[in-house]
């Protein structure tokens, strides 16, 4: 399904389903709140830009959290936040590792929330490696929105981004790892779209690594029916603890992000299919995108 040629009734359906989701609808990000529940510490891939930090209170970027929660603790936190924030519409699991590499914690957390409340949108962010395995279970729980981080469609570029992946009991490296990961990402994206989920694709822009690959990623998103492309800058942690930071791979300049988004708009055919309001939230973020709360 190509989201640029949706039938009017499907367009109306998607409009209704994103109107109160601050990440999928720019107009919603100043009106509605979301919360991330950090129940997923493990990851099945190692990105050269990632350092999953626990007990971190001073950094604001993906992969960091003040505390990793059990599903029961996450549920209690959800109830507390819901009682205090009237405009809470979305609960997501986005780390600090990968939710689908922590499938028991992820499913248990969603089950507890869904049994308690039917008017909260459930959302999940994943690297996509295990998405084909678990997509049906997520749909049964009422997950409507999925974010997949796809940093390249070229296995050679991928070999520079991913140190290794762990898949089916084995560890893969280099081009082989990148090929396996992208195949699973693509299969998961296709399955999600065919089941009616709204899919956002995140791409971390890494200067000198995947910046020239952005149009190819956007072209794939349009072809496969992704809803929106979110191009976000590489962020090197303050302690230079990631491989890219140690290797002096620099963060992109604002003009480079702007140009990448311009390229994506040309490929996707609509400026509305390129996200520009992302705040690269922590794994335990709460509140509006432009106004995090401490609860």
Foldseek 3Di string as FASTA:
>chain_A
DFPVDDDPVLVVVVCVVCVCPVQLDVVNLVPAKEWFAAQAADAQWAWLLDDQEECDDPDWFARYYNHHDALVRSLVVVVVQVVVDVRYAEYEFEYNYACVVVVVRNLSNLVSVCVVDVRHAYEYEGCQLCLVVCVVVCVVSPHAEYEHEDAAPQLQLVLVTIQWGADPNDIDHGSVRSVSSNVRNLVNLLVSVVVNHAYEYEHEDFPPRCLVRLLVVLLSCSVRHHQAYEYHWRDQDPVLPGNCSVVVRDIDDPVSSVVSLVSSCVNSVHNSRYDDLAPNGYSGFITRRVDTDDD
